[in-house]
N, C-alpha and C. Protein backbone atom coordinates (compact mmCIF):
# COMPACT_ATOMS: atom_id res chain seq x y z
N MET A 1 78.34 46.59 -24.71
CA MET A 1 76.84 46.65 -24.91
C MET A 1 76.29 45.27 -25.50
N SER A 2 75.21 45.43 -25.26
CA SER A 2 74.48 43.93 -25.60
C SER A 2 74.21 44.26 -27.13
N ILE A 3 74.45 42.90 -27.51
CA ILE A 3 73.89 42.96 -29.25
C ILE A 3 72.40 43.54 -29.79
N PRO A 4 71.52 43.00 -28.82
CA PRO A 4 70.10 43.57 -28.96
C PRO A 4 69.65 45.23 -28.91
N THR A 5 70.58 45.59 -28.01
CA THR A 5 70.62 47.53 -27.46
C THR A 5 71.54 47.89 -28.68
N ASP A 6 72.43 47.47 -28.82
CA ASP A 6 73.30 47.94 -30.14
C ASP A 6 72.03 47.98 -31.51
N VAL A 7 71.93 46.72 -31.97
CA VAL A 7 70.79 46.93 -32.87
C VAL A 7 69.93 47.85 -32.89
N ALA A 8 68.95 47.33 -31.62
CA ALA A 8 67.96 48.39 -31.84
C ALA A 8 68.59 50.29 -31.60
N SER A 9 70.15 50.14 -31.03
CA SER A 9 70.21 51.64 -31.04
C SER A 9 70.46 52.60 -32.56
N LEU A 10 71.00 51.82 -33.27
CA LEU A 10 71.24 51.58 -34.49
C LEU A 10 70.21 52.53 -35.54
N GLN A 11 69.12 51.74 -35.51
CA GLN A 11 67.79 51.68 -36.05
C GLN A 11 67.08 53.01 -35.73
N ILE A 12 67.29 53.60 -34.41
CA ILE A 12 67.25 54.47 -33.34
C ILE A 12 67.60 55.59 -34.15
N MET A 13 69.01 55.65 -34.09
CA MET A 13 70.09 56.69 -34.40
C MET A 13 69.65 56.85 -36.05
N ALA A 14 69.20 56.11 -36.92
CA ALA A 14 69.10 56.05 -38.38
C ALA A 14 67.92 57.00 -38.55
N HIS A 15 66.86 57.20 -37.80
CA HIS A 15 65.83 57.97 -37.83
C HIS A 15 66.14 59.30 -36.93
N VAL A 16 66.83 59.71 -36.01
CA VAL A 16 66.80 60.40 -35.67
C VAL A 16 67.82 61.42 -36.27
N TYR A 17 68.65 60.90 -37.07
CA TYR A 17 69.75 61.26 -37.88
C TYR A 17 69.53 62.09 -39.05
N LYS A 18 68.54 61.33 -39.77
CA LYS A 18 67.72 61.70 -40.79
C LYS A 18 66.45 62.75 -40.71
N ARG A 19 66.54 63.00 -39.70
CA ARG A 19 65.61 64.13 -38.82
C ARG A 19 64.02 63.88 -39.09
N ALA A 20 64.02 62.44 -39.03
CA ALA A 20 62.58 61.96 -39.19
C ALA A 20 61.34 62.75 -38.34
N SER A 21 60.52 63.07 -38.48
CA SER A 21 58.95 63.77 -37.96
C SER A 21 59.55 63.29 -36.41
N LEU A 22 59.07 63.71 -35.29
CA LEU A 22 59.12 63.50 -33.77
C LEU A 22 58.38 62.32 -33.52
N ASN A 23 57.20 62.40 -34.16
CA ASN A 23 56.43 61.18 -33.61
C ASN A 23 56.91 59.81 -34.25
N THR A 24 57.78 59.91 -35.92
CA THR A 24 58.55 58.55 -36.35
C THR A 24 59.10 58.27 -35.05
N ILE A 25 60.21 59.31 -34.66
CA ILE A 25 61.17 59.01 -34.22
C ILE A 25 60.98 58.39 -32.55
N PHE A 26 59.84 58.84 -32.14
CA PHE A 26 59.18 58.14 -30.90
C PHE A 26 59.19 56.83 -30.87
N GLU A 27 57.97 56.76 -32.16
CA GLU A 27 57.08 55.12 -32.33
C GLU A 27 58.25 54.24 -32.80
N LYS A 28 59.50 54.68 -33.38
CA LYS A 28 60.26 53.64 -34.08
C LYS A 28 61.31 53.28 -32.64
N THR A 29 61.43 54.54 -31.82
CA THR A 29 62.17 54.39 -30.61
C THR A 29 61.95 53.07 -29.65
N VAL A 30 60.20 53.13 -29.58
CA VAL A 30 59.89 52.33 -28.60
C VAL A 30 59.51 51.00 -29.32
N GLU A 31 59.31 50.79 -30.51
CA GLU A 31 59.34 49.57 -31.15
C GLU A 31 60.51 49.10 -31.42
N SER A 32 61.55 49.51 -31.63
CA SER A 32 62.71 48.83 -31.85
C SER A 32 63.38 48.34 -30.50
N LEU A 33 63.30 48.97 -29.50
CA LEU A 33 63.77 49.18 -28.37
C LEU A 33 62.91 47.43 -27.60
N VAL A 34 61.91 47.65 -27.75
CA VAL A 34 60.77 46.40 -27.68
C VAL A 34 60.88 45.62 -28.35
N GLU A 35 60.81 45.57 -29.64
CA GLU A 35 61.22 44.42 -30.55
C GLU A 35 62.69 43.90 -30.81
N GLN A 36 63.81 44.45 -30.23
CA GLN A 36 64.95 43.86 -30.61
C GLN A 36 65.74 43.35 -29.31
N VAL A 37 65.29 44.13 -28.32
CA VAL A 37 65.56 43.61 -26.56
C VAL A 37 64.72 42.83 -26.30
N PRO A 38 65.53 41.47 -25.85
CA PRO A 38 63.99 40.73 -25.30
C PRO A 38 64.15 40.87 -24.08
N TYR A 39 64.72 41.47 -23.33
CA TYR A 39 63.98 41.41 -21.58
C TYR A 39 64.01 43.19 -21.58
N ILE A 40 63.41 43.78 -22.52
CA ILE A 40 62.78 45.16 -22.22
C ILE A 40 61.34 44.79 -22.86
N ASP A 41 60.33 45.15 -21.74
CA ASP A 41 58.95 44.40 -21.76
C ASP A 41 58.01 46.13 -22.25
N TRP A 42 58.71 47.41 -21.81
CA TRP A 42 57.72 48.06 -22.27
C TRP A 42 58.95 49.36 -22.23
N VAL A 43 58.12 50.65 -23.26
CA VAL A 43 58.97 51.54 -23.05
C VAL A 43 57.85 52.76 -23.13
N GLY A 44 58.18 54.35 -22.90
CA GLY A 44 57.46 54.83 -22.99
C GLY A 44 58.30 56.49 -22.90
N ILE A 45 57.93 57.33 -23.67
CA ILE A 45 58.42 58.30 -24.08
C ILE A 45 57.45 59.25 -23.39
N TYR A 46 57.72 60.14 -22.15
CA TYR A 46 56.49 61.41 -21.73
C TYR A 46 57.48 62.48 -22.40
N MET A 47 56.80 63.53 -22.67
CA MET A 47 57.22 65.07 -22.58
C MET A 47 56.65 65.80 -22.03
N TYR A 48 56.87 66.56 -21.38
CA TYR A 48 56.67 67.98 -20.32
C TYR A 48 55.85 68.88 -21.25
N GLU A 49 54.88 69.05 -20.92
CA GLU A 49 54.09 70.03 -21.10
C GLU A 49 53.70 71.31 -20.26
N ASN A 50 53.79 71.69 -19.92
CA ASN A 50 53.76 72.78 -18.88
C ASN A 50 54.16 72.33 -17.60
N LEU A 51 53.15 71.73 -16.68
CA LEU A 51 53.76 70.79 -15.46
C LEU A 51 53.27 69.54 -15.77
N ASP A 52 52.90 69.07 -16.56
CA ASP A 52 52.04 67.90 -16.78
C ASP A 52 52.87 66.92 -17.62
N HIS A 53 53.17 65.71 -17.34
CA HIS A 53 53.93 64.37 -18.45
C HIS A 53 52.66 63.67 -19.11
N LYS A 54 53.10 64.14 -20.35
CA LYS A 54 52.06 63.70 -21.78
C LYS A 54 52.97 62.20 -22.38
N LEU A 55 52.18 61.43 -22.05
CA LEU A 55 52.96 60.15 -23.00
C LEU A 55 52.75 59.92 -24.79
N VAL A 56 53.16 60.33 -25.16
CA VAL A 56 53.19 60.48 -26.20
C VAL A 56 53.27 59.31 -27.07
N ALA A 57 54.50 58.53 -27.04
CA ALA A 57 54.62 56.80 -27.51
C ALA A 57 55.09 55.95 -26.53
N ALA A 58 54.31 55.03 -26.73
CA ALA A 58 54.71 53.83 -25.68
C ALA A 58 53.93 52.50 -26.53
N SER A 59 55.16 51.18 -25.89
CA SER A 59 55.27 50.29 -26.40
C SER A 59 53.52 49.70 -26.54
N ASP A 60 52.84 49.75 -25.85
CA ASP A 60 51.49 49.31 -25.16
C ASP A 60 50.98 50.65 -24.35
N PHE A 61 49.46 51.19 -24.64
CA PHE A 61 49.53 52.46 -24.20
C PHE A 61 48.21 52.12 -23.09
N GLU A 62 47.93 50.80 -23.21
CA GLU A 62 46.68 50.47 -22.31
C GLU A 62 47.70 49.67 -20.77
N ASP A 63 48.48 49.24 -21.18
CA ASP A 63 49.37 48.29 -19.92
C ASP A 63 50.91 48.90 -19.83
N ASP A 64 51.09 49.90 -18.86
CA ASP A 64 52.33 50.48 -18.74
C ASP A 64 53.18 49.25 -18.15
N LEU A 65 52.69 48.12 -17.32
CA LEU A 65 53.61 47.33 -16.51
C LEU A 65 54.07 47.53 -15.11
N LYS A 66 53.38 48.97 -14.74
CA LYS A 66 54.20 49.75 -13.31
C LYS A 66 54.05 48.73 -12.65
N TRP A 67 53.24 48.10 -12.23
CA TRP A 67 52.79 46.94 -11.27
C TRP A 67 53.76 45.70 -11.45
N GLU A 68 53.84 45.10 -12.37
CA GLU A 68 54.47 44.03 -13.04
C GLU A 68 56.10 43.97 -13.07
N CYS A 69 56.40 45.21 -13.44
CA CYS A 69 58.13 45.43 -13.71
C CYS A 69 58.83 44.90 -12.58
N ASN A 70 59.79 44.24 -12.87
CA ASN A 70 60.85 44.21 -11.54
C ASN A 70 62.29 45.22 -12.23
N GLY A 71 62.14 45.55 -13.00
CA GLY A 71 63.25 45.95 -13.34
C GLY A 71 62.82 47.85 -14.24
N GLU A 72 63.14 48.79 -13.89
CA GLU A 72 62.79 50.42 -14.50
C GLU A 72 64.28 50.95 -14.36
N LEU A 73 64.55 51.84 -15.36
CA LEU A 73 64.98 53.26 -15.74
C LEU A 73 64.26 54.00 -16.48
N LYS A 74 65.08 55.22 -15.94
CA LYS A 74 64.52 56.45 -17.04
C LYS A 74 65.47 57.34 -16.84
N PHE A 75 65.63 57.67 -18.11
CA PHE A 75 66.50 58.51 -19.07
C PHE A 75 65.60 60.13 -19.46
N PRO A 76 66.72 61.00 -18.74
CA PRO A 76 65.82 62.58 -19.31
C PRO A 76 66.38 62.72 -20.90
N ILE A 77 65.41 63.08 -21.23
CA ILE A 77 65.34 64.10 -22.70
C ILE A 77 65.66 65.31 -22.54
N THR A 78 66.61 66.02 -22.64
CA THR A 78 66.88 66.93 -22.85
C THR A 78 67.13 67.86 -24.08
N ASN A 79 66.76 68.93 -24.17
CA ASN A 79 67.35 70.29 -25.04
C ASN A 79 68.44 70.57 -25.67
N SER A 80 68.78 71.18 -26.50
CA SER A 80 70.49 71.77 -26.63
C SER A 80 70.69 72.41 -25.25
N SER A 81 69.30 73.16 -24.72
CA SER A 81 69.83 73.95 -23.71
C SER A 81 70.12 73.36 -22.38
N GLU A 82 70.49 72.36 -22.74
CA GLU A 82 70.49 70.94 -21.20
C GLU A 82 69.18 71.32 -20.35
N GLU A 83 67.81 71.69 -20.98
CA GLU A 83 66.53 71.61 -20.15
C GLU A 83 66.13 70.32 -20.32
N GLU A 84 65.72 69.57 -19.15
CA GLU A 84 64.55 68.81 -19.32
C GLU A 84 63.22 68.99 -19.65
N ILE A 85 63.08 68.27 -21.18
CA ILE A 85 61.69 68.14 -21.75
C ILE A 85 61.00 67.28 -22.04
N GLY A 86 61.87 65.97 -21.17
CA GLY A 86 60.99 64.77 -21.39
C GLY A 86 61.59 63.66 -20.69
N MET A 87 61.15 62.29 -20.85
CA MET A 87 61.78 61.27 -19.97
C MET A 87 61.39 59.94 -21.02
N MET A 88 62.36 59.26 -21.24
CA MET A 88 61.93 57.73 -21.53
C MET A 88 62.34 57.22 -20.69
N VAL A 89 61.20 55.78 -20.24
CA VAL A 89 60.81 55.06 -19.31
C VAL A 89 60.77 53.51 -19.91
N VAL A 90 61.85 52.56 -19.57
CA VAL A 90 62.23 51.30 -19.96
C VAL A 90 62.32 50.68 -18.83
N ARG A 91 60.92 49.42 -19.15
CA ARG A 91 60.81 48.93 -18.28
C ARG A 91 60.70 46.92 -18.61
N SER A 92 61.14 45.98 -17.28
CA SER A 92 61.86 45.37 -17.63
C SER A 92 60.61 43.91 -16.33
N ARG A 93 60.26 42.56 -17.04
CA ARG A 93 59.74 42.05 -15.89
C ARG A 93 60.77 41.32 -15.28
N GLN A 94 61.80 41.18 -15.42
CA GLN A 94 62.99 40.32 -15.17
C GLN A 94 63.70 41.03 -14.24
N PRO A 95 64.32 40.65 -13.14
CA PRO A 95 65.02 41.23 -12.38
C PRO A 95 66.18 41.29 -12.84
N ILE A 96 67.21 42.30 -12.64
CA ILE A 96 68.43 42.84 -12.80
C ILE A 96 68.80 42.41 -14.50
N ALA A 97 67.90 42.71 -14.94
CA ALA A 97 67.88 43.25 -16.21
C ALA A 97 68.86 43.72 -17.33
N PHE A 98 69.04 44.63 -16.52
CA PHE A 98 70.10 45.56 -17.15
C PHE A 98 71.51 45.70 -16.95
N ASP A 99 72.13 45.83 -17.76
CA ASP A 99 73.61 46.05 -17.26
C ASP A 99 74.04 47.50 -17.26
N VAL A 100 75.32 47.54 -17.16
CA VAL A 100 75.88 48.97 -17.42
C VAL A 100 75.93 49.29 -18.59
N THR A 101 75.92 49.13 -19.32
CA THR A 101 76.40 48.90 -21.18
C THR A 101 74.96 49.55 -21.74
N ASP A 102 73.84 48.93 -21.38
CA ASP A 102 72.63 48.85 -21.48
C ASP A 102 72.00 50.10 -20.72
N VAL A 103 72.38 50.47 -20.16
CA VAL A 103 72.60 52.14 -19.35
C VAL A 103 73.01 53.36 -20.45
N SER A 104 74.39 52.80 -20.38
CA SER A 104 74.99 53.77 -21.35
C SER A 104 74.37 53.92 -22.67
N THR A 105 74.02 53.12 -23.47
CA THR A 105 73.11 52.93 -24.54
C THR A 105 71.81 53.90 -24.74
N LEU A 106 71.26 53.12 -23.63
CA LEU A 106 69.63 54.20 -23.78
C LEU A 106 69.83 55.49 -23.19
N GLU A 107 70.81 56.07 -22.70
CA GLU A 107 71.43 56.98 -22.26
C GLU A 107 71.57 58.34 -23.55
N THR A 108 72.23 57.27 -24.48
CA THR A 108 72.62 57.77 -25.64
C THR A 108 71.30 58.01 -26.33
N ILE A 109 70.62 57.16 -26.46
CA ILE A 109 68.98 57.51 -27.34
C ILE A 109 68.20 58.48 -26.48
N ALA A 110 68.48 58.76 -25.60
CA ALA A 110 67.51 59.75 -24.86
C ALA A 110 68.15 60.71 -25.19
N ALA A 111 69.38 61.37 -25.04
CA ALA A 111 70.25 62.40 -25.59
C ALA A 111 70.04 62.57 -27.12
N ALA A 112 70.28 61.90 -28.03
CA ALA A 112 70.24 61.84 -29.41
C ALA A 112 68.54 62.30 -29.54
N ILE A 113 67.85 61.64 -28.97
CA ILE A 113 66.36 62.01 -29.29
C ILE A 113 66.03 63.95 -29.04
N GLY A 114 66.60 63.99 -27.79
CA GLY A 114 66.58 65.30 -27.33
C GLY A 114 66.82 66.82 -28.26
N GLN A 115 68.38 66.09 -28.52
CA GLN A 115 69.29 66.92 -29.21
C GLN A 115 69.28 67.45 -30.63
N GLU A 116 68.74 66.03 -30.94
CA GLU A 116 68.86 65.85 -32.61
C GLU A 116 67.43 66.46 -33.16
N SER A 117 66.27 66.09 -32.40
CA SER A 117 65.14 66.08 -32.46
C SER A 117 64.23 67.62 -32.48
N PHE A 118 65.22 67.86 -31.54
CA PHE A 118 64.47 69.70 -31.27
C PHE A 118 65.69 70.61 -31.31
N SER A 119 66.29 70.23 -32.29
CA SER A 119 67.60 71.66 -32.56
C SER A 119 66.98 72.30 -33.77
N ASN A 120 66.18 72.02 -34.65
CA ASN A 120 65.36 72.62 -35.32
C ASN A 120 63.97 73.32 -35.03
């Protein structure tokens, strides 16, 4: 794992396991990833409401870098019943920015957000 991704992951997991409010968890996830990982330029968390995708947290609500990014990863957020209830999107301006360990760590973060946050 990359050290910056590990540091961000620890900060995020602390909020998840403290059972902070959902908005706090979403905001800290976005904030930690963008601030701690130099090659992550934008993060957004979408939650599904009926058939719509609602952006509930983002590092920049005005500019999602959709047309500027060279790398994008999407991670499903699932509840304890394994139903997909949202999506975490991570974007980088750098080509080939993410490695296998980043993917694994980000998958773990997305899973924890869904499992722990929506368990009550």
